[in-house]
Amino acid sequence: MADWWANLGEAPLASWPGPQGVNEAGGGSVRGCGRVGDMSLHRAVCNRNAALVEKLVSEGVDVNQVEAAGNTPLHSAAFEGWVDGVQLLLRLGAKVNASNNAGDRPYHWASNMGHEEVCSLLEKHGATKERGKVLVQEHVPKVKDFFSKPCWSHHPKPYTDFIDFKKSEAAAYEAERKRAIRV
């Protein structure tokens, strides 16, 4: 059985830019497995605790930190319809057009929940209604023709360092298998 990355072709793949806000406009995470922020700011936003939000950011917590699905605290405030929180996060430097792994921006979350006041506020600060880049997670199904299927062909390819890691991991497993059975 061939490994799923064998069908990606020889075209160069992008390098991984880092765990925090991998999309150009912020947000997004392709390394969610324990490599995201500590979620303290997300929890403060979900609890509508403005004082804690300000305290955490003043202590150095990234106002645009992401969780495993690529959502920023601004996504959470928009989803909750917390107008004061959205204003606070924007004042503290939150990226208004950050998109999560599914390409949703805070505006989409506010719109989906019917929070018109939040939508207006986000638009006033430059929010776009256009969807962001969809990111492929590290746990892409091991289907040999994943990227050739019409429903998945729009997904970007994984980053080159991840593919290189998976190839070296497979080679190490094969070497260990051969050593164990003395091939």
Protein backbone atom coordinates (compact mmCIF):
# COMPACT_ATOMS: atom_id res chain seq x y z
CA MET A 1 0.00 0.00 0.00
CA ALA A 2 1.46 3.34 -1.06
CA ASP A 3 1.64 6.22 1.38
CA TRP A 4 -0.86 9.03 0.71
CA TRP A 5 1.86 11.63 0.17
CA ALA A 6 3.36 9.66 -2.70
CA ASN A 7 0.68 11.05 -5.02
CA LEU A 8 1.39 14.72 -4.32
CA GLY A 9 3.75 14.92 -7.28
CA GLU A 10 7.15 16.56 -7.51
CA ALA A 11 6.01 20.21 -7.37
CA PRO A 12 7.60 22.10 -4.46
CA LEU A 13 5.42 22.48 -1.39
CA ALA A 14 5.30 25.52 0.88
CA SER A 15 7.22 25.62 4.16
CA TRP A 16 5.26 25.75 7.40
CA PRO A 17 5.16 29.36 8.68
CA GLY A 18 4.34 28.56 12.32
CA PRO A 19 1.53 27.67 14.70
CA GLN A 20 0.07 31.10 15.38
CA GLY A 21 -2.13 32.55 12.65
CA VAL A 22 -0.76 30.73 9.62
CA ASN A 23 -3.20 32.46 7.28
CA GLU A 24 -1.93 35.76 5.86
CA ALA A 25 -4.76 37.68 7.53
CA GLY A 26 -4.34 35.77 10.81
CA GLY A 27 -6.03 32.70 12.23
CA GLY A 28 -5.68 29.15 11.02
CA SER A 29 -3.69 26.28 12.51
CA VAL A 30 -2.23 23.26 10.76
CA ARG A 31 -0.34 22.03 13.80
CA GLY A 32 -3.18 21.77 16.30
CA CYS A 33 -1.91 18.74 18.22
CA GLY A 34 -0.77 20.50 21.38
CA ARG A 35 1.00 23.32 19.58
CA VAL A 36 -1.54 26.08 19.94
CA GLY A 37 -1.98 28.81 22.53
CA ASP A 38 -2.95 27.95 26.11
CA MET A 39 -6.53 29.04 25.39
CA SER A 40 -6.59 31.43 28.37
CA LEU A 41 -7.67 34.32 26.17
CA HIS A 42 -10.33 32.22 24.43
CA ARG A 43 -11.73 31.21 27.83
CA ALA A 44 -11.76 34.83 29.02
CA VAL A 45 -13.69 35.84 25.88
CA CYS A 46 -16.20 32.99 26.25
CA ASN A 47 -16.75 34.12 29.86
CA ARG A 48 -17.12 37.74 28.68
CA ASN A 49 -14.44 38.80 31.14
CA ALA A 50 -13.12 42.06 29.66
CA ALA A 51 -10.79 42.77 32.58
CA LEU A 52 -9.11 39.38 32.20
CA VAL A 53 -8.84 39.84 28.42
CA GLU A 54 -7.00 43.14 28.93
CA LYS A 55 -4.82 41.67 31.69
CA LEU A 56 -3.79 38.65 29.60
CA VAL A 57 -2.92 40.75 26.55
CA SER A 58 -0.96 43.22 28.71
CA GLU A 59 0.99 40.22 30.08
CA GLY A 60 1.95 39.16 26.57
CA VAL A 61 -0.74 36.70 25.49
CA ASP A 62 -1.17 37.00 21.72
CA VAL A 63 -4.53 38.63 21.00
CA ASN A 64 -4.59 36.57 17.79
CA GLN A 65 -3.71 33.21 19.39
CA VAL A 66 -5.34 30.25 17.67
CA GLU A 67 -6.84 27.03 18.88
CA ALA A 68 -6.70 23.71 17.01
CA ALA A 69 -9.44 24.67 14.52
CA GLY A 70 -7.69 27.96 13.78
CA ASN A 71 -10.18 30.20 15.58
CA THR A 72 -9.00 33.39 17.25
CA PRO A 73 -10.56 35.03 20.33
CA LEU A 74 -12.30 37.42 17.91
CA HIS A 75 -14.07 34.43 16.35
CA SER A 76 -15.36 33.51 19.82
CA ALA A 77 -16.53 37.05 20.64
CA ALA A 78 -18.29 37.30 17.26
CA PHE A 79 -19.97 33.92 17.77
CA GLU A 80 -21.17 34.96 21.21
CA GLY A 81 -22.44 38.31 19.92
CA TRP A 82 -20.33 40.11 22.54
CA VAL A 83 -20.17 43.61 21.02
CA ASP A 84 -18.03 45.06 23.83
CA GLY A 85 -15.64 42.13 23.54
CA VAL A 86 -15.33 42.56 19.77
CA GLN A 87 -14.56 46.27 20.28
CA LEU A 88 -12.02 45.44 22.99
CA LEU A 89 -10.24 42.79 20.93
CA LEU A 90 -10.07 45.07 17.89
CA ARG A 91 -8.65 47.86 20.06
CA LEU A 92 -6.04 45.41 21.38
CA GLY A 93 -4.96 44.48 17.84
CA ALA A 94 -7.11 41.52 16.86
CA LYS A 95 -7.02 40.83 13.13
CA VAL A 96 -10.51 41.51 11.82
CA ASN A 97 -10.11 39.21 8.81
CA ALA A 98 -8.46 36.22 10.48
CA SER A 99 -9.84 33.02 8.99
CA ASN A 100 -10.01 29.62 10.65
CA ASN A 101 -9.18 26.26 9.06
CA ALA A 102 -12.57 26.14 7.32
CA GLY A 103 -12.06 29.62 5.85
CA ASP A 104 -14.57 31.27 8.20
CA ARG A 105 -13.81 34.77 9.43
CA PRO A 106 -15.29 36.35 12.60
CA TYR A 107 -17.80 38.10 10.34
CA HIS A 108 -19.14 34.73 9.13
CA TRP A 109 -19.57 33.48 12.67
CA ALA A 110 -21.44 36.61 13.74
CA SER A 111 -23.59 36.46 10.60
CA ASN A 112 -24.39 32.76 11.06
CA MET A 113 -25.55 33.46 14.62
CA GLY A 114 -27.63 36.47 13.58
CA HIS A 115 -25.55 39.05 15.45
CA GLU A 116 -26.18 42.00 13.13
CA GLU A 117 -24.64 44.58 15.47
CA VAL A 118 -21.39 42.60 15.59
CA CYS A 119 -21.45 42.22 11.77
CA SER A 120 -21.83 45.99 11.39
CA LEU A 121 -19.03 46.65 13.85
CA LEU A 122 -16.70 44.21 12.07
CA GLU A 123 -17.55 45.74 8.67
CA LYS A 124 -16.82 49.21 10.09
CA HIS A 125 -13.34 47.92 10.96
CA GLY A 126 -12.69 46.47 7.51
CA ALA A 127 -14.13 42.97 7.73
CA THR A 128 -14.57 41.20 4.43
CA LYS A 129 -17.40 38.82 3.62
CA GLU A 130 -15.07 36.80 1.40
CA ARG A 131 -14.07 33.39 2.71
CA GLY A 132 -10.48 32.79 3.76
CA LYS A 133 -8.09 30.03 2.74
CA VAL A 134 -9.12 26.51 3.73
CA LEU A 135 -6.29 24.67 5.49
CA VAL A 136 -5.60 20.95 5.41
CA GLN A 137 -4.91 19.41 8.80
CA GLU A 138 -2.03 17.04 9.52
CA HIS A 139 -4.49 14.18 9.91
CA VAL A 140 -5.49 14.17 6.23
CA PRO A 141 -7.13 10.81 5.51
CA LYS A 142 -4.66 8.33 4.10
CA VAL A 143 -6.52 8.00 0.83
CA LYS A 144 -4.16 7.72 -2.11
CA ASP A 145 -6.20 9.99 -4.36
CA PHE A 146 -7.41 12.46 -1.71
CA PHE A 147 -6.32 15.56 -3.61
CA SER A 148 -7.58 14.31 -6.99
CA LYS A 149 -11.21 13.95 -5.85
CA PRO A 150 -13.32 16.92 -7.04
CA CYS A 151 -14.73 17.56 -3.56
CA TRP A 152 -11.22 17.87 -2.05
CA SER A 153 -9.18 19.27 -4.94
CA HIS A 154 -9.59 22.87 -3.70
CA HIS A 155 -7.72 22.07 -0.47
CA PRO A 156 -4.12 23.25 -0.36
CA LYS A 157 -1.43 20.60 -0.16
CA PRO A 158 0.27 19.95 3.21
CA TYR A 159 3.47 21.83 3.98
CA THR A 160 6.74 20.37 2.74
CA ASP A 161 8.28 19.93 6.20
CA PHE A 162 5.34 17.77 7.23
CA ILE A 163 5.62 15.62 4.10
CA ASP A 164 9.37 15.25 4.67
CA PHE A 165 8.69 14.23 8.27
CA LYS A 166 6.09 11.64 7.20
CA LYS A 167 8.50 10.20 4.60
CA SER A 168 11.33 9.91 7.15
CA GLU A 169 8.93 8.40 9.68
CA ALA A 170 7.78 5.79 7.14
CA ALA A 171 11.42 5.00 6.25
CA ALA A 172 12.29 4.58 9.93
CA TYR A 173 9.33 2.24 10.47
CA GLU A 174 10.32 0.19 7.43
CA ALA A 175 13.96 -0.02 8.60
CA GLU A 176 12.78 -1.12 12.05
CA ARG A 177 10.44 -3.70 10.50
CA LYS A 178 13.27 -5.12 8.39
CA ARG A 179 15.59 -5.17 11.41
CA ALA A 180 12.98 -6.90 13.55
CA ILE A 181 12.31 -9.66 11.01
CA ARG A 182 15.92 -9.66 9.73
CA VAL A 183 15.10 -9.11 6.08
